[in-house]
C-alpha atoms as a PDB file:
ATOM      1  CA  MET A   1     149.947 112.981 125.715  1.00  0.00           C
ATOM      2  CA  THR A   2     151.695 109.887 127.044  1.00  0.00           C
ATOM      3  CA  GLU A   3     150.722 107.613 129.907  1.00  0.00           C
ATOM      4  CA  SER A   4     152.397 104.795 131.793  1.00  0.00           C
ATOM      5  CA  TYR A   5     150.864 101.314 131.985  1.00  0.00           C
ATOM      6  CA  ASP A   6     151.916  98.031 133.552  1.00  0.00           C
ATOM      7  CA  ALA A   7     150.362  95.496 131.146  1.00  0.00           C
ATOM      8  CA  LEU A   8     148.091  94.788 128.186  1.00  0.00           C
ATOM      9  CA  LEU A   9     144.975  92.635 128.537  1.00  0.00           C
ATOM     10  CA  LEU A  10     143.652  90.766 125.496  1.00  0.00           C
ATOM     11  CA  LEU A  11     139.901  90.592 126.104  1.00  0.00           C
ATOM     12  CA  SER A  12     137.771  88.261 123.991  1.00  0.00           C
ATOM     13  CA  PHE A  13     134.456  86.435 123.870  1.00  0.00           C
ATOM     14  CA  GLY A  14     135.679  82.961 124.752  1.00  0.00           C
ATOM     15  CA  GLY A  15     134.433  79.564 123.677  1.00  0.00           C
ATOM     16  CA  PRO A  16     134.067  75.940 124.826  1.00  0.00           C
ATOM     17  CA  GLU A  17     136.969  73.553 124.503  1.00  0.00           C
ATOM     18  CA  GLY A  18     135.130  70.254 124.903  1.00  0.00           C
ATOM     19  CA  PRO A  19     131.618  68.750 124.731  1.00  0.00           C
ATOM     20  CA  ASP A  20     131.002  69.183 128.465  1.00  0.00           C
ATOM     21  CA  ASP A  21     131.768  72.907 128.187  1.00  0.00           C
ATOM     22  CA  VAL A  22     129.149  73.731 125.555  1.00  0.00           C
ATOM     23  CA  MET A  23     125.972  74.223 127.600  1.00  0.00           C
ATOM     24  CA  PRO A  24     127.700  75.969 130.554  1.00  0.00           C
ATOM     25  CA  PHE A  25     129.376  78.295 128.045  1.00  0.00           C
ATOM     26  CA  LEU A  26     126.094  79.094 126.294  1.00  0.00           C
ATOM     27  CA  ARG A  27     124.414  79.752 129.654  1.00  0.00           C
ATOM     28  CA  ASN A  28     127.181  82.249 130.390  1.00  0.00           C
ATOM     29  CA  VAL A  29     126.590  83.970 127.048  1.00  0.00           C
ATOM     30  CA  VAL A  30     122.871  84.513 127.718  1.00  0.00           C
ATOM     31  CA  ARG A  31     122.983  84.912 131.505  1.00  0.00           C
ATOM     32  CA  GLY A  32     120.338  87.271 132.808  1.00  0.00           C
ATOM     33  CA  ARG A  33     118.191  87.034 129.663  1.00  0.00           C
ATOM     34  CA  GLY A  34     115.969  84.114 130.616  1.00  0.00           C
ATOM     35  CA  VAL A  35     116.800  82.023 127.555  1.00  0.00           C
ATOM     36  CA  PRO A  36     115.621  78.419 128.118  1.00  0.00           C
ATOM     37  CA  ASP A  37     117.977  75.483 127.640  1.00  0.00           C
ATOM     38  CA  GLU A  38     115.742  74.207 124.835  1.00  0.00           C
ATOM     39  CA  ARG A  39     116.769  77.132 122.660  1.00  0.00           C
ATOM     40  CA  LEU A  40     120.401  76.853 123.676  1.00  0.00           C
ATOM     41  CA  ALA A  41     120.370  73.184 122.665  1.00  0.00           C
ATOM     42  CA  GLU A  42     119.864  74.210 119.027  1.00  0.00           C
ATOM     43  CA  VAL A  43     122.986  76.375 119.104  1.00  0.00           C
ATOM     44  CA  ALA A  44     124.863  73.667 120.995  1.00  0.00           C
ATOM     45  CA  GLU A  45     124.556  71.419 117.951  1.00  0.00           C
ATOM     46  CA  HIS A  46     126.711  73.851 115.982  1.00  0.00           C
ATOM     47  CA  TYR A  47     129.509  73.384 118.522  1.00  0.00           C
ATOM     48  CA  ARG A  48     129.062  69.626 118.658  1.00  0.00           C
ATOM     49  CA  HIS A  49     129.515  69.541 114.881  1.00  0.00           C
ATOM     50  CA  PHE A  50     133.122  70.533 115.707  1.00  0.00           C
ATOM     51  CA  GLY A  51     133.521  68.134 118.626  1.00  0.00           C
ATOM     52  CA  GLY A  52     132.292  70.676 121.165  1.00  0.00           C
ATOM     53  CA  VAL A  53     135.338  72.857 120.577  1.00  0.00           C
ATOM     54  CA  SER A  54     135.225  76.446 119.407  1.00  0.00           C
ATOM     55  CA  PRO A  55     138.434  77.504 117.660  1.00  0.00           C
ATOM     56  CA  ILE A  56     138.336  80.947 119.260  1.00  0.00           C
ATOM     57  CA  ASN A  57     140.380  80.093 122.361  1.00  0.00           C
ATOM     58  CA  GLU A  58     143.196  78.540 120.339  1.00  0.00           C
ATOM     59  CA  GLN A  59     143.083  81.546 117.999  1.00  0.00           C
ATOM     60  CA  ASN A  60     143.454  83.815 121.018  1.00  0.00           C
ATOM     61  CA  ARG A  61     146.410  81.791 122.271  1.00  0.00           C
ATOM     62  CA  GLN A  62     148.052  82.272 118.899  1.00  0.00           C
ATOM     63  CA  LEU A  63     147.253  85.989 118.888  1.00  0.00           C
ATOM     64  CA  LEU A  64     148.570  86.318 122.441  1.00  0.00           C
ATOM     65  CA  ALA A  65     151.841  84.671 121.438  1.00  0.00           C
ATOM     66  CA  ALA A  66     152.119  86.834 118.327  1.00  0.00           C
ATOM     67  CA  ILE A  67     151.552  90.055 120.298  1.00  0.00           C
ATOM     68  CA  LYS A  68     154.177  89.051 122.863  1.00  0.00           C
ATOM     69  CA  ALA A  69     156.675  88.303 120.103  1.00  0.00           C
ATOM     70  CA  ASP A  70     155.907  91.581 118.326  1.00  0.00           C
ATOM     71  CA  PHE A  71     156.285  93.558 121.553  1.00  0.00           C
ATOM     72  CA  ALA A  72     159.627  91.886 122.289  1.00  0.00           C
ATOM     73  CA  ALA A  73     160.917  92.533 118.761  1.00  0.00           C
ATOM     74  CA  ASN A  74     159.916  96.193 118.856  1.00  0.00           C
ATOM     75  CA  GLY A  75     160.941  97.211 122.350  1.00  0.00           C
ATOM     76  CA  VAL A  76     157.486  97.376 123.956  1.00  0.00           C
ATOM     77  CA  ASP A  77     158.094  96.324 127.551  1.00  0.00           C
ATOM     78  CA  LEU A  78     154.597  95.259 128.613  1.00  0.00           C
ATOM     79  CA  PRO A  79     153.468  91.832 129.813  1.00  0.00           C
ATOM     80  CA  VAL A  80     150.380  90.581 127.957  1.00  0.00           C
ATOM     81  CA  TYR A  81     147.495  88.776 129.656  1.00  0.00           C
ATOM     82  CA  TRP A  82     144.347  87.139 128.251  1.00  0.00           C
ATOM     83  CA  GLY A  83     140.828  86.965 129.662  1.00  0.00           C
ATOM     84  CA  ASN A  84     137.383  86.061 128.283  1.00  0.00           C
ATOM     85  CA  ARG A  85     133.861  87.242 128.911  1.00  0.00           C
ATOM     86  CA  ASN A  86     132.201  83.830 128.725  1.00  0.00           C
ATOM     87  CA  TRP A  87     134.719  81.010 129.216  1.00  0.00           C
ATOM     88  CA  HIS A  88     138.078  80.227 130.742  1.00  0.00           C
ATOM     89  CA  PRO A  89     140.333  82.039 131.259  1.00  0.00           C
ATOM     90  CA  MET A  90     137.541  84.148 132.750  1.00  0.00           C
ATOM     91  CA  LEU A  91     138.041  87.896 132.938  1.00  0.00           C
ATOM     92  CA  THR A  92     137.662  88.056 136.715  1.00  0.00           C
ATOM     93  CA  ASP A  93     140.340  85.407 137.254  1.00  0.00           C
ATOM     94  CA  THR A  94     142.717  87.159 134.867  1.00  0.00           C
ATOM     95  CA  LEU A  95     142.283  90.546 136.556  1.00  0.00           C
ATOM     96  CA  ARG A  96     142.946  88.991 139.951  1.00  0.00           C
ATOM     97  CA  GLN A  97     146.117  87.348 138.613  1.00  0.00           C
ATOM     98  CA  MET A  98     147.238  90.644 137.100  1.00  0.00           C
ATOM     99  CA  TYR A  99     146.799  92.409 140.436  1.00  0.00           C
ATOM    100  CA  ALA A 100     148.681  89.634 142.223  1.00  0.00           C
ATOM    101  CA  ASP A 101     151.497  90.105 139.716  1.00  0.00           C
ATOM    102  CA  GLY A 102     151.752  93.790 140.607  1.00  0.00           C
ATOM    103  CA  VAL A 103     149.756  95.273 137.719  1.00  0.00           C
ATOM    104  CA  ARG A 104     147.980  98.453 138.796  1.00  0.00           C
ATOM    105  CA  LYS A 105     147.109 100.091 135.454  1.00  0.00           C
ATOM    106  CA  ALA A 106     146.453  98.097 132.291  1.00  0.00           C
ATOM    107  CA  LEU A 107     145.445  98.726 128.710  1.00  0.00           C
ATOM    108  CA  VAL A 108     142.726  96.512 127.222  1.00  0.00           C
ATOM    109  CA  PHE A 109     142.529  95.333 123.609  1.00  0.00           C
ATOM    110  CA  ILE A 110     139.035  94.063 122.759  1.00  0.00           C
ATOM    111  CA  THR A 111     138.854  91.634 119.829  1.00  0.00           C
ATOM    112  CA  SER A 112     135.945  93.537 118.283  1.00  0.00           C
ATOM    113  CA  ALA A 113     136.335  96.359 115.781  1.00  0.00           C
ATOM    114  CA  TYR A 114     132.913  97.993 115.807  1.00  0.00           C
ATOM    115  CA  CYS A 115     130.549 100.050 117.941  1.00  0.00           C
ATOM    116  CA  SER A 116     127.402  98.498 119.374  1.00  0.00           C
ATOM    117  CA  TYR A 117     126.190  97.391 122.781  1.00  0.00           C
ATOM    118  CA  SER A 118     127.163  93.740 122.270  1.00  0.00           C
ATOM    119  CA  SER A 119     130.434  94.390 120.438  1.00  0.00           C
ATOM    120  CA  CYS A 120     131.731  97.229 122.609  1.00  0.00           C
ATOM    121  CA  GLN A 121     129.675  98.481 125.539  1.00  0.00           C
ATOM    122  CA  GLN A 122     129.045  95.036 126.986  1.00  0.00           C
ATOM    123  CA  TYR A 123     132.796  94.508 127.298  1.00  0.00           C
ATOM    124  CA  HIS A 124     132.984  97.734 129.303  1.00  0.00           C
ATOM    125  CA  GLU A 125     130.228  96.453 131.571  1.00  0.00           C
ATOM    126  CA  ASP A 126     132.022  93.135 132.064  1.00  0.00           C
ATOM    127  CA  LEU A 127     135.219  94.974 132.966  1.00  0.00           C
ATOM    128  CA  ALA A 128     133.271  96.988 135.529  1.00  0.00           C
ATOM    129  CA  LYS A 129     131.684  93.844 137.029  1.00  0.00           C
ATOM    130  CA  ALA A 130     135.034  92.068 137.208  1.00  0.00           C
ATOM    131  CA  HIS A 131     136.760  95.110 138.703  1.00  0.00           C
ATOM    132  CA  VAL A 132     139.557  94.468 141.183  1.00  0.00           C
ATOM    133  CA  ASP A 133     140.180  97.267 143.677  1.00  0.00           C
ATOM    134  CA  GLY A 134     143.484  98.941 142.951  1.00  0.00           C
ATOM    135  CA  LEU A 135     143.614  97.831 139.297  1.00  0.00           C
ATOM    136  CA  GLU A 136     142.642 100.420 136.666  1.00  0.00           C
ATOM    137  CA  THR A 137     141.797  99.270 133.120  1.00  0.00           C
ATOM    138  CA  VAL A 138     141.755 101.534 130.044  1.00  0.00           C
ATOM    139  CA  VAL A 139     140.236 100.231 126.801  1.00  0.00           C
ATOM    140  CA  LEU A 140     142.099 100.919 123.571  1.00  0.00           C
ATOM    141  CA  ARG A 141     140.181 102.579 120.762  1.00  0.00           C
ATOM    142  CA  ARG A 142     138.235 100.757 118.072  1.00  0.00           C
ATOM    143  CA  PHE A 143     140.101  99.843 114.905  1.00  0.00           C
ATOM    144  CA  PHE A 144     137.539  99.238 112.138  1.00  0.00           C
ATOM    145  CA  ASN A 145     139.336 101.623 109.741  1.00  0.00           C
ATOM    146  CA  HIS A 146     142.932 101.021 110.818  1.00  0.00           C
ATOM    147  CA  PRO A 147     145.210  99.845 107.975  1.00  0.00           C
ATOM    148  CA  GLY A 148     146.276  96.873 110.106  1.00  0.00           C
ATOM    149  CA  PHE A 149     142.690  95.602 110.045  1.00  0.00           C
ATOM    150  CA  ILE A 150     141.702  96.630 106.514  1.00  0.00           C
ATOM    151  CA  GLU A 151     144.792  95.461 104.627  1.00  0.00           C
ATOM    152  CA  PRO A 152     144.606  91.784 105.714  1.00  0.00           C
ATOM    153  CA  HIS A 153     140.951  91.746 104.651  1.00  0.00           C
ATOM    154  CA  VAL A 154     141.951  93.246 101.284  1.00  0.00           C
ATOM    155  CA  ASP A 155     144.519  90.523 100.624  1.00  0.00           C
ATOM    156  CA  ALA A 156     142.081  87.842 101.765  1.00  0.00           C
ATOM    157  CA  VAL A 157     139.430  89.038  99.317  1.00  0.00           C
ATOM    158  CA  ARG A 158     141.973  89.090  96.514  1.00  0.00           C
ATOM    159  CA  GLY A 159     142.937  85.550  97.415  1.00  0.00           C
ATOM    160  CA  ALA A 160     139.317  84.420  97.381  1.00  0.00           C
ATOM    161  CA  TYR A 161     138.791  85.919  93.935  1.00  0.00           C
ATOM    162  CA  ALA A 162     141.920  84.149  92.714  1.00  0.00           C
ATOM    163  CA  SER A 163     140.414  80.810  93.754  1.00  0.00           C
ATOM    164  CA  LEU A 164     137.499  81.224  91.319  1.00  0.00           C
ATOM    165  CA  LEU A 165     137.668  80.131  87.702  1.00  0.00           C
ATOM    166  CA  PRO A 166     139.465  82.923  85.791  1.00  0.00           C
ATOM    167  CA  LYS A 167     136.676  83.447  83.281  1.00  0.00           C
ATOM    168  CA  ARG A 168     134.134  83.959  86.087  1.00  0.00           C
ATOM    169  CA  ARG A 169     136.050  86.309  88.399  1.00  0.00           C
ATOM    170  CA  ASP A 170     135.048  89.566  86.740  1.00  0.00           C
ATOM    171  CA  ASP A 171     131.344  88.956  87.329  1.00  0.00           C
ATOM    172  CA  ALA A 172     131.565  87.515  90.851  1.00  0.00           C
ATOM    173  CA  ARG A 173     129.536  89.391  93.479  1.00  0.00           C
ATOM    174  CA  LEU A 174     131.425  90.490  96.591  1.00  0.00           C
ATOM    175  CA  VAL A 175     129.368  90.021  99.756  1.00  0.00           C
ATOM    176  CA  PHE A 176     130.538  91.261 103.166  1.00  0.00           C
ATOM    177  CA  THR A 177     129.037  89.746 106.303  1.00  0.00           C
ATOM    178  CA  ALA A 178     128.874  90.760 109.952  1.00  0.00           C
ATOM    179  CA  HIS A 179     127.021  89.579 113.037  1.00  0.00           C
ATOM    180  CA  SER A 180     123.420  90.758 112.952  1.00  0.00           C
ATOM    181  CA  ILE A 181     122.121  92.689 115.957  1.00  0.00           C
ATOM    182  CA  PRO A 182     118.630  93.941 116.874  1.00  0.00           C
ATOM    183  CA  THR A 183     117.736  96.971 114.778  1.00  0.00           C
ATOM    184  CA  ARG A 184     117.042  98.876 117.993  1.00  0.00           C
ATOM    185  CA  MET A 185     120.611  98.220 119.135  1.00  0.00           C
ATOM    186  CA  ASP A 186     121.943  99.635 115.879  1.00  0.00           C
ATOM    187  CA  GLU A 187     119.664 102.666 116.196  1.00  0.00           C
ATOM    188  CA  GLN A 188     121.203 103.374 119.620  1.00  0.00           C
ATOM    189  CA  ALA A 189     124.836 102.844 118.583  1.00  0.00           C
ATOM    190  CA  GLY A 190     126.838 106.063 118.766  1.00  0.00           C
ATOM    191  CA  PRO A 191     125.809 109.658 119.406  1.00  0.00           C
ATOM    192  CA  THR A 192     123.577 109.887 116.320  1.00  0.00           C
ATOM    193  CA  GLY A 193     122.699 106.205 115.964  1.00  0.00           C
ATOM    194  CA  HIS A 194     123.449 103.421 113.489  1.00  0.00           C
ATOM    195  CA  LEU A 195     127.174 103.620 114.138  1.00  0.00           C
ATOM    196  CA  TYR A 196     127.549  99.823 114.024  1.00  0.00           C
ATOM    197  CA  SER A 197     126.173  99.519 110.498  1.00  0.00           C
ATOM    198  CA  ARG A 198     127.898 102.740 109.382  1.00  0.00           C
ATOM    199  CA  GLU A 199     131.317 101.560 110.532  1.00  0.00           C
ATOM    200  CA  LEU A 200     130.798  98.189 108.888  1.00  0.00           C
ATOM    201  CA  ARG A 201     129.734  99.772 105.603  1.00  0.00           C
ATOM    202  CA  GLU A 202     132.797 102.009 105.687  1.00  0.00           C
ATOM    203  CA  ALA A 203     135.144  99.071 106.362  1.00  0.00           C
ATOM    204  CA  ALA A 204     133.494  97.087 103.554  1.00  0.00           C
ATOM    205  CA  ARG A 205     133.866 100.016 101.166  1.00  0.00           C
ATOM    206  CA  LEU A 206     137.547 100.386 102.014  1.00  0.00           C
ATOM    207  CA  VAL A 207     138.194  96.698 101.343  1.00  0.00           C
ATOM    208  CA  ALA A 208     136.105  96.579  98.167  1.00  0.00           C
ATOM    209  CA  GLU A 209     137.767  99.622  96.617  1.00  0.00           C
ATOM    210  CA  GLN A 210     141.228  98.118  97.069  1.00  0.00           C
ATOM    211  CA  ALA A 211     140.521  94.410  96.511  1.00  0.00           C
ATOM    212  CA  ALA A 212     137.894  94.442  93.764  1.00  0.00           C
ATOM    213  CA  PRO A 213     137.340  98.010  92.513  1.00  0.00           C
ATOM    214  CA  ASN A 214     135.089  96.934  89.658  1.00  0.00           C
ATOM    215  CA  ALA A 215     132.941  94.511  91.641  1.00  0.00           C
ATOM    216  CA  GLN A 216     129.410  95.091  92.847  1.00  0.00           C
ATOM    217  CA  TRP A 217     129.329  94.543  96.591  1.00  0.00           C
ATOM    218  CA  ASP A 218     126.793  94.175  99.384  1.00  0.00           C
ATOM    219  CA  LEU A 219     126.810  94.219 103.190  1.00  0.00           C
ATOM    220  CA  VAL A 220     124.593  91.546 104.737  1.00  0.00           C
ATOM    221  CA  TRP A 221     124.207  89.826 108.092  1.00  0.00           C
ATOM    222  CA  GLN A 222     124.670  86.458 109.752  1.00  0.00           C
ATOM    223  CA  SER A 223     124.391  84.611 113.074  1.00  0.00           C
ATOM    224  CA  ARG A 224     121.053  86.081 114.101  1.00  0.00           C
ATOM    225  CA  SER A 225     119.690  84.856 117.431  1.00  0.00           C
ATOM    226  CA  GLY A 226     116.810  85.859 119.687  1.00  0.00           C
ATOM    227  CA  PRO A 227     113.023  85.656 119.380  1.00  0.00           C
ATOM    228  CA  PRO A 228     111.619  86.015 115.845  1.00  0.00           C
ATOM    229  CA  GLN A 229     109.300  88.897 116.807  1.00  0.00           C
ATOM    230  CA  VAL A 230     112.310  91.168 117.512  1.00  0.00           C
ATOM    231  CA  PRO A 231     113.547  92.905 114.334  1.00  0.00           C
ATOM    232  CA  TRP A 232     117.236  92.340 113.541  1.00  0.00           C
ATOM    233  CA  LEU A 233     119.457  93.731 110.803  1.00  0.00           C
ATOM    234  CA  GLU A 234     118.689  92.077 107.456  1.00  0.00           C
ATOM    235  CA  PRO A 235     119.093  90.515 104.927  1.00  0.00           C
ATOM    236  CA  ASP A 236     120.512  87.270 106.229  1.00  0.00           C
ATOM    237  CA  ILE A 237     123.370  85.906 104.151  1.00  0.00           C
ATOM    238  CA  ASN A 238     121.373  82.866 103.019  1.00  0.00           C
ATOM    239  CA  ASP A 239     118.379  84.941 101.933  1.00  0.00           C
ATOM    240  CA  HIS A 240     120.734  87.255 100.085  1.00  0.00           C
ATOM    241  CA  LEU A 241     122.364  84.392  98.218  1.00  0.00           C
ATOM    242  CA  GLU A 242     118.945  83.289  97.022  1.00  0.00           C
ATOM    243  CA  ALA A 243     118.146  86.835  95.876  1.00  0.00           C
ATOM    244  CA  ILE A 244     121.342  87.366  93.888  1.00  0.00           C
ATOM    245  CA  ALA A 245     121.145  83.899  92.331  1.00  0.00           C
ATOM    246  CA  ALA A 246     117.649  84.795  91.128  1.00  0.00           C
ATOM    247  CA  ASP A 247     119.173  87.945  89.562  1.00  0.00           C
ATOM    248  CA  GLY A 248     121.608  85.852  87.550  1.00  0.00           C
ATOM    249  CA  VAL A 249     124.750  86.047  89.674  1.00  0.00           C
ATOM    250  CA  THR A 250     126.855  82.922  89.136  1.00  0.00           C
ATOM    251  CA  ASP A 251     129.694  83.327  91.649  1.00  0.00           C
ATOM    252  CA  VAL A 252     130.070  84.907  95.059  1.00  0.00           C
ATOM    253  CA  VAL A 253     133.017  85.930  97.227  1.00  0.00           C
ATOM    254  CA  ILE A 254     132.175  86.154 100.929  1.00  0.00           C
ATOM    255  CA  SER A 255     134.242  88.389 103.220  1.00  0.00           C
ATOM    256  CA  PRO A 256     133.481  88.165 106.979  1.00  0.00           C
ATOM    257  CA  ILE A 257     134.368  91.828 107.512  1.00  0.00           C
ATOM    258  CA  GLY A 258     132.718  91.841 110.941  1.00  0.00           C
ATOM    259  CA  PHE A 259     135.208  89.389 112.455  1.00  0.00           C
ATOM    260  CA  VAL A 260     138.885  89.274 113.392  1.00  0.00           C
ATOM    261  CA  SER A 261     139.343  85.472 113.275  1.00  0.00           C
ATOM    262  CA  ASP A 262     137.836  82.337 111.758  1.00  0.00           C
ATOM    263  CA  HIS A 263     135.909  81.339 114.870  1.00  0.00           C
ATOM    264  CA  LEU A 264     132.851  79.116 115.033  1.00  0.00           C
ATOM    265  CA  GLU A 265     130.303  81.590 113.662  1.00  0.00           C
ATOM    266  CA  VAL A 266     132.453  82.018 110.577  1.00  0.00           C
ATOM    267  CA  LEU A 267     133.031  78.285 110.177  1.00  0.00           C
ATOM    268  CA  TRP A 268     129.421  77.257 110.787  1.00  0.00           C
ATOM    269  CA  ASP A 269     127.374  80.122 109.359  1.00  0.00           C
ATOM    270  CA  LEU A 270     129.555  80.688 106.290  1.00  0.00           C
ATOM    271  CA  ASP A 271     131.645  77.601 105.553  1.00  0.00           C
ATOM    272  CA  ASN A 272     128.763  75.279 106.423  1.00  0.00           C
ATOM    273  CA  GLU A 273     125.347  76.909 106.000  1.00  0.00           C
ATOM    274  CA  ALA A 274     126.089  79.620 103.430  1.00  0.00           C
ATOM    275  CA  ARG A 275     128.290  77.308 101.372  1.00  0.00           C
ATOM    276  CA  GLU A 276     125.505  74.711 101.352  1.00  0.00           C
ATOM    277  CA  THR A 277     122.999  77.362 100.263  1.00  0.00           C
ATOM    278  CA  ALA A 278     125.320  78.455  97.450  1.00  0.00           C
ATOM    279  CA  TYR A 279     125.781  74.841  96.348  1.00  0.00           C
ATOM    280  CA  LYS A 280     122.010  74.294  96.165  1.00  0.00           C
ATOM    281  CA  LEU A 281     121.658  77.485  94.116  1.00  0.00           C
ATOM    282  CA  GLY A 282     124.489  76.564  91.764  1.00  0.00           C
ATOM    283  CA  LEU A 283     126.632  79.513  92.874  1.00  0.00           C
ATOM    284  CA  GLY A 284     130.403  79.372  92.770  1.00  0.00           C
ATOM    285  CA  PHE A 285     131.535  80.121  96.341  1.00  0.00           C
ATOM    286  CA  ALA A 286     134.778  81.474  97.779  1.00  0.00           C
ATOM    287  CA  ARG A 287     135.191  82.638 101.372  1.00  0.00           C
ATOM    288  CA  ALA A 288     137.885  85.153 102.284  1.00  0.00           C
ATOM    289  CA  ALA A 289     139.904  84.698 105.459  1.00  0.00           C
ATOM    290  CA  THR A 290     139.926  86.968 108.514  1.00  0.00           C
ATOM    291  CA  PRO A 291     143.029  88.751 109.901  1.00  0.00           C
ATOM    292  CA  GLY A 292     143.828  86.180 112.609  1.00  0.00           C
ATOM    293  CA  THR A 293     147.530  86.604 113.370  1.00  0.00           C
ATOM    294  CA  ASP A 294     148.425  88.480 110.204  1.00  0.00           C
ATOM    295  CA  ARG A 295     151.580  90.471 110.999  1.00  0.00           C
ATOM    296  CA  ARG A 296     149.843  93.765 110.104  1.00  0.00           C
ATOM    297  CA  PHE A 297     146.983  93.054 112.485  1.00  0.00           C
ATOM    298  CA  VAL A 298     149.410  92.135 115.262  1.00  0.00           C
ATOM    299  CA  ALA A 299     151.455  95.271 114.586  1.00  0.00           C
ATOM    300  CA  MET A 300     148.216  97.278 114.791  1.00  0.00           C
ATOM    301  CA  VAL A 301     147.809  96.196 118.418  1.00  0.00           C
ATOM    302  CA  ARG A 302     151.258  97.587 119.145  1.00  0.00           C
ATOM    303  CA  GLU A 303     150.395 100.835 117.335  1.00  0.00           C
ATOM    304  CA  LEU A 304     147.232 101.246 119.417  1.00  0.00           C
ATOM    305  CA  VAL A 305     149.284 100.739 122.562  1.00  0.00           C
ATOM    306  CA  LEU A 306     151.867 103.302 121.442  1.00  0.00           C
ATOM    307  CA  GLU A 307     149.126 105.846 120.795  1.00  0.00           C
ATOM    308  CA  ARG A 308     148.466 105.745 124.550  1.00  0.00           C
ATOM    309  CA  THR A 309     151.941 105.191 125.904  1.00  0.00           C
ATOM    310  CA  ALA A 310     154.076 107.252 123.511  1.00  0.00           C
ATOM    311  CA  GLY A 311     151.680 109.671 121.821  1.00  0.00           C
ATOM    312  CA  ALA A 312     151.975 107.957 118.421  1.00  0.00           C
ATOM    313  CA  GLU A 313     149.867 109.458 115.639  1.00  0.00           C
ATOM    314  CA  PRO A 314     146.659 107.446 115.049  1.00  0.00           C
ATOM    315  CA  ARG A 315     146.316 105.868 111.614  1.00  0.00           C
ATOM    316  CA  ALA A 316     142.984 105.526 109.832  1.00  0.00           C
ATOM    317  CA  LEU A 317     141.747 105.050 106.279  1.00  0.00           C
ATOM    318  CA  GLY A 318     138.721 106.473 104.519  1.00  0.00           C
ATOM    319  CA  ASP A 319     136.011 108.939 105.403  1.00  0.00           C
ATOM    320  CA  PHE A 320     135.985 108.507 109.190  1.00  0.00           C
ATOM    321  CA  ALA A 321     138.503 109.845 111.649  1.00  0.00           C
ATOM    322  CA  ALA A 322     140.335 107.435 113.914  1.00  0.00           C
ATOM    323  CA  PRO A 323     138.124 106.824 116.959  1.00  0.00           C
ATOM    324  CA  GLN A 324     139.367 108.442 120.133  1.00  0.00           C
ATOM    325  CA  ALA A 325     139.795 106.574 123.422  1.00  0.00           C
ATOM    326  CA  CYS A 326     136.939 104.110 123.756  1.00  0.00           C
ATOM    327  CA  THR A 327     134.084 105.475 125.868  1.00  0.00           C
ATOM    328  CA  ASP A 328     130.565 104.507 126.818  1.00  0.00           C
ATOM    329  CA  LEU A 329     128.230 103.904 123.860  1.00  0.00           C
ATOM    330  CA  CYS A 330     131.069 104.537 121.414  1.00  0.00           C
ATOM    331  CA  ALA A 331     130.120 108.223 121.393  1.00  0.00           C
ATOM    332  CA  ASP A 332     133.580 109.405 120.404  1.00  0.00           C
ATOM    333  CA  LEU A 333     133.641 108.857 116.635  1.00  0.00           C
ATOM    334  CA  VAL A 334     133.199 111.817 114.321  1.00  0.00           C
ATOM    335  CA  SER A 335     133.182 112.038 110.538  1.00  0.00           C
ATOM    336  CA  ARG A 336     135.957 113.926 108.836  1.00  0.00           C
END
């Protein structure tokens, strides 16, 4: 089945681009949750460590340019727009501009590969809140097991291993990380629950089997937030590093499998905090890159568009089928 669309919207999280943006941005992130500024001030220090600038907006500008160039080179005649959930360009403003430009039906690419409330459903809710009468938006499917997402991670892990001392590579532990979420949120993800952690484990397995088939690997979590009495997915990356060091591991390769670009949570939580933990423990440390604007990742966006506009065959690796069109609560994925 083929459908006609007028544009593609790149929809992302957003981030501050100067010191004065940090607190307003963080208030946007937690709006409606009653989080006091005192708690936000702790997170704000992470941004101020980088001059109050998150790299995510510049990364999205680069991705936007790469998608436009790929579309032009491959005959995809769709204008590409960009909007954010939490900082400028805000989603509402972008949708209004699209409508003013004559767009009436648009595809949406969300820069998140996995199913959970915060990584998928909340974007749907934001699209509904920002709705402009006369403009229909259709979200492209998730891509956690698409070759265009997996293959850049594979090469990045190989590159990280290559940066270790040759005599220590064979014994290095491979550790995948993703954003932690409340355990209750994971329990409610997908039609039978735990789809967030299941998809992440499958993506990690696919990368590990190609990049380091003889390595022992783990999936752990980072970037936890929220009150301490609420259970979140564990172990935290820093706790895990302590545990494996106690077991005699001497080197670790970290792959941020939960992320599509090296934004602030990757730079702070891994390159800063986790690296410091590894240094204190005497662990050799190598961090793999994220897809960013890798040509295969950019081409994947085009492939997802062509699935909807030209009936292209979906591509997927591993034990899960390609997700169907993205729907509420990510209830569309089935195992092969």
